[in-house]
């Protein structure tokens, strides 16, 4: 089904539905705790605690020899070990570039 087909099927909500939805949303707002900022701070504290636990666990795992060896092997995959300088003939390089286009 194409997006244009979906737009053709779209209907405007009835005024009764809009009124009931507005009332339901206002009722939900009244049910929220008075100090929702304190609730958000609690969520942030929980997230910070979880992050700290994850970092601490990762640091402790790196003290294990087998985990440390695996991490070093992964790091070695991306380490540049051999590098050599080469001269480039600009005229030949330009001819190659123009030939590819």
Protein backbone atom coordinates (compact mmCIF):
# COMPACT_ATOMS: atom_id res chain seq x y z
CA UNK A 1 0.00 0.00 0.00
CA UNK A 2 1.35 3.42 -0.93
CA UNK A 3 1.47 6.43 1.33
CA UNK A 4 -0.96 8.31 -0.89
CA UNK A 5 -3.51 5.52 -0.36
CA UNK A 6 -3.16 5.93 3.38
CA UNK A 7 -3.71 9.68 3.15
CA UNK A 8 -6.89 9.12 1.16
CA UNK A 9 -8.22 6.88 3.95
CA UNK A 10 -7.49 9.50 6.62
CA UNK A 11 -10.54 10.96 8.38
CA UNK A 12 -10.87 13.92 10.71
CA UNK A 13 -11.85 12.87 14.25
CA UNK A 14 -15.35 13.69 15.35
CA UNK A 15 -15.87 16.58 17.79
CA UNK A 16 -17.18 14.08 20.37
CA UNK A 17 -13.98 12.03 20.15
CA UNK A 18 -11.86 15.19 20.46
CA UNK A 19 -13.79 16.25 23.56
CA UNK A 20 -13.47 12.82 25.22
CA UNK A 21 -9.76 12.65 24.42
CA UNK A 22 -9.15 16.12 25.83
CA UNK A 23 -10.99 15.17 29.05
CA UNK A 24 -9.05 11.91 29.37
CA UNK A 25 -5.72 13.68 28.93
CA UNK A 26 -6.61 16.32 31.51
CA UNK A 27 -7.61 13.56 33.94
CA UNK A 28 -4.22 11.92 33.44
CA UNK A 29 -2.46 15.23 34.14
CA UNK A 30 -4.32 15.51 37.44
CA UNK A 31 -3.16 12.01 38.39
CA UNK A 32 0.52 12.91 37.97
CA UNK A 33 2.48 13.38 41.19
CA UNK A 34 2.66 16.97 42.39
CA UNK A 35 6.43 16.95 42.33
CA UNK A 36 7.18 15.32 38.99
CA UNK A 37 10.59 17.05 38.99
CA UNK A 38 11.55 14.93 42.00
CA UNK A 39 10.44 11.83 40.11
CA UNK A 40 12.63 12.84 37.15
CA UNK A 41 15.59 13.35 39.47
CA UNK A 42 15.04 9.84 40.81
CA UNK A 43 15.14 8.49 37.26
CA UNK A 44 18.35 10.38 36.55
CA UNK A 45 19.90 9.06 39.74
CA UNK A 46 18.97 5.52 38.73
CA UNK A 47 20.49 6.00 35.28
CA UNK A 48 23.68 7.43 36.78
CA UNK A 49 23.90 4.52 39.21
CA UNK A 50 23.44 2.02 36.36
CA UNK A 51 26.10 3.75 34.27
CA UNK A 52 28.52 3.71 37.20
CA UNK A 53 27.86 0.00 37.74
CA UNK A 54 28.50 -0.79 34.08
CA UNK A 55 31.77 1.18 34.03
CA UNK A 56 32.94 -0.41 37.28
CA UNK A 57 32.11 -3.89 35.97
CA UNK A 58 34.03 -3.24 32.76
CA UNK A 59 37.04 -1.99 34.72
CA UNK A 60 36.96 -5.02 37.00
CA UNK A 61 36.67 -7.37 34.04
CA UNK A 62 39.80 -5.86 32.51
CA UNK A 63 41.74 -7.01 35.56
CA UNK A 64 41.11 -10.64 34.52
CA UNK A 65 44.01 -11.88 32.36
CA UNK A 66 41.85 -13.62 29.74
CA UNK A 67 39.63 -10.58 29.23
CA UNK A 68 42.62 -8.26 29.09
CA UNK A 69 44.29 -10.47 26.47
CA UNK A 70 41.14 -10.42 24.34
CA UNK A 71 40.88 -6.63 24.60
CA UNK A 72 44.52 -6.23 23.60
CA UNK A 73 44.04 -8.57 20.63
CA UNK A 74 41.06 -6.50 19.49
CA UNK A 75 43.08 -3.29 19.85
CA UNK A 76 45.91 -4.80 17.80
CA UNK A 77 43.52 -5.39 14.89
CA UNK A 78 43.17 -1.63 14.43
CA UNK A 79 46.74 -0.57 15.20
CA UNK A 80 48.80 0.79 12.31
CA UNK A 81 52.01 -1.22 12.20
CA UNK A 82 53.53 -0.68 8.75
CA UNK A 83 53.67 2.64 6.99
CA UNK A 84 55.67 3.53 3.92
CA UNK A 85 55.98 6.82 2.06
CA UNK A 86 55.68 6.79 -1.73
CA UNK A 87 56.20 9.48 -4.32
CA UNK A 88 53.30 10.25 -6.64
CA UNK A 89 53.57 11.57 -10.17
CA UNK A 90 50.90 14.31 -10.28
CA UNK A 91 50.51 14.16 -14.07
CA UNK A 92 49.85 10.42 -14.03
CA UNK A 93 47.50 10.79 -11.06
CA UNK A 94 45.51 13.50 -12.88
CA UNK A 95 45.32 11.33 -16.05
CA UNK A 96 43.99 8.42 -13.99
CA UNK A 97 41.42 10.63 -12.30
CA UNK A 98 40.16 12.06 -15.59
CA UNK A 99 40.03 8.62 -17.21
CA UNK A 100 37.68 7.28 -14.53
CA UNK A 101 35.06 10.01 -15.00
